[in-house]
Amino acid sequence: MGEIRVRDLRFSPEEIGAFLEQATGGPAEGIATALLEEKTEGWVTGLCLTVLSLRHRSDLDRIVTNLP
């Protein structure tokens, strides 16, 4: 039986970048990716909510910077 740890459930910086590129259809900036990793701790739910916030906007850097 395998063991799943918290770190196995979180996205790595590379995975966050790939997720953002796929979800937004454009390149993910390194700064935005690093800030999202810090603010969401790599949790996919936080990343999905951020992408939902971008549906009608394209200012990823500003949105990520203003996250609590």
Protein backbone atom coordinates (compact mmCIF):
# COMPACT_ATOMS: atom_id res chain seq x y z
CA MET A 1 0.00 0.00 0.00
CA GLY A 2 1.37 3.40 -0.95
CA GLU A 3 1.47 6.45 1.24
CA ILE A 4 0.31 9.83 0.00
CA ARG A 5 1.79 12.82 1.75
CA VAL A 6 0.78 16.48 1.63
CA ARG A 7 3.75 17.36 -0.59
CA ASP A 8 2.51 14.78 -3.12
CA LEU A 9 -0.79 16.65 -3.48
CA ARG A 10 0.72 20.09 -4.09
CA PHE A 11 1.79 21.37 -7.48
CA SER A 12 5.47 22.10 -8.02
CA PRO A 13 6.50 25.45 -9.58
CA GLU A 14 6.85 23.72 -12.95
CA GLU A 15 3.39 22.18 -12.66
CA ILE A 16 1.92 25.56 -11.65
CA GLY A 17 3.48 27.15 -14.74
CA ALA A 18 2.15 24.40 -17.01
CA PHE A 19 -1.30 24.65 -15.40
CA LEU A 20 -1.41 28.43 -15.90
CA GLU A 21 -0.27 28.17 -19.51
CA GLN A 22 -2.92 25.58 -20.29
CA ALA A 23 -5.69 27.39 -18.40
CA THR A 24 -4.98 30.88 -19.75
CA GLY A 25 -3.77 29.94 -23.22
CA GLY A 26 -0.65 32.06 -22.84
CA PRO A 27 2.79 31.90 -21.31
CA ALA A 28 3.06 31.98 -17.52
CA GLU A 29 5.43 34.58 -16.13
CA GLY A 30 8.01 33.33 -13.62
CA ILE A 31 7.05 36.02 -11.10
CA ALA A 32 3.35 35.16 -11.27
CA THR A 33 4.14 31.46 -10.92
CA ALA A 34 6.37 32.05 -7.89
CA LEU A 35 3.79 34.31 -6.23
CA LEU A 36 1.02 31.80 -6.86
CA GLU A 37 3.12 29.02 -5.40
CA GLU A 38 3.73 31.12 -2.30
CA LYS A 39 0.13 32.29 -1.88
CA THR A 40 -1.65 28.99 -2.70
CA GLU A 41 1.11 26.73 -1.38
CA GLY A 42 0.65 24.76 -4.60
CA TRP A 43 -2.90 23.68 -3.81
CA VAL A 44 -4.89 23.15 -7.00
CA THR A 45 -8.08 24.63 -5.54
CA GLY A 46 -6.39 27.99 -5.03
CA LEU A 47 -4.95 27.82 -8.53
CA CYS A 48 -8.38 27.03 -10.02
CA LEU A 49 -9.98 29.94 -8.19
CA THR A 50 -7.27 32.26 -9.49
CA VAL A 51 -7.85 31.07 -13.05
CA LEU A 52 -11.60 31.62 -12.61
CA SER A 53 -10.81 35.19 -11.59
CA LEU A 54 -9.02 35.63 -14.91
CA ARG A 55 -11.94 34.61 -17.12
CA HIS A 56 -12.68 38.14 -18.25
CA ARG A 57 -9.34 39.74 -17.38
CA SER A 58 -5.78 39.19 -18.48
CA ASP A 59 -3.83 40.94 -15.72
CA LEU A 60 -2.48 37.85 -13.97
CA ASP A 61 0.37 39.71 -12.27
CA ARG A 62 -1.96 42.25 -10.65
CA ILE A 63 -4.43 39.59 -9.52
CA VAL A 64 -1.71 37.41 -8.01
CA THR A 65 -0.04 40.36 -6.30
CA ASN A 66 -3.33 41.36 -4.65
CA LEU A 67 -4.17 37.90 -3.33
CA PRO A 68 -4.37 37.76 0.50
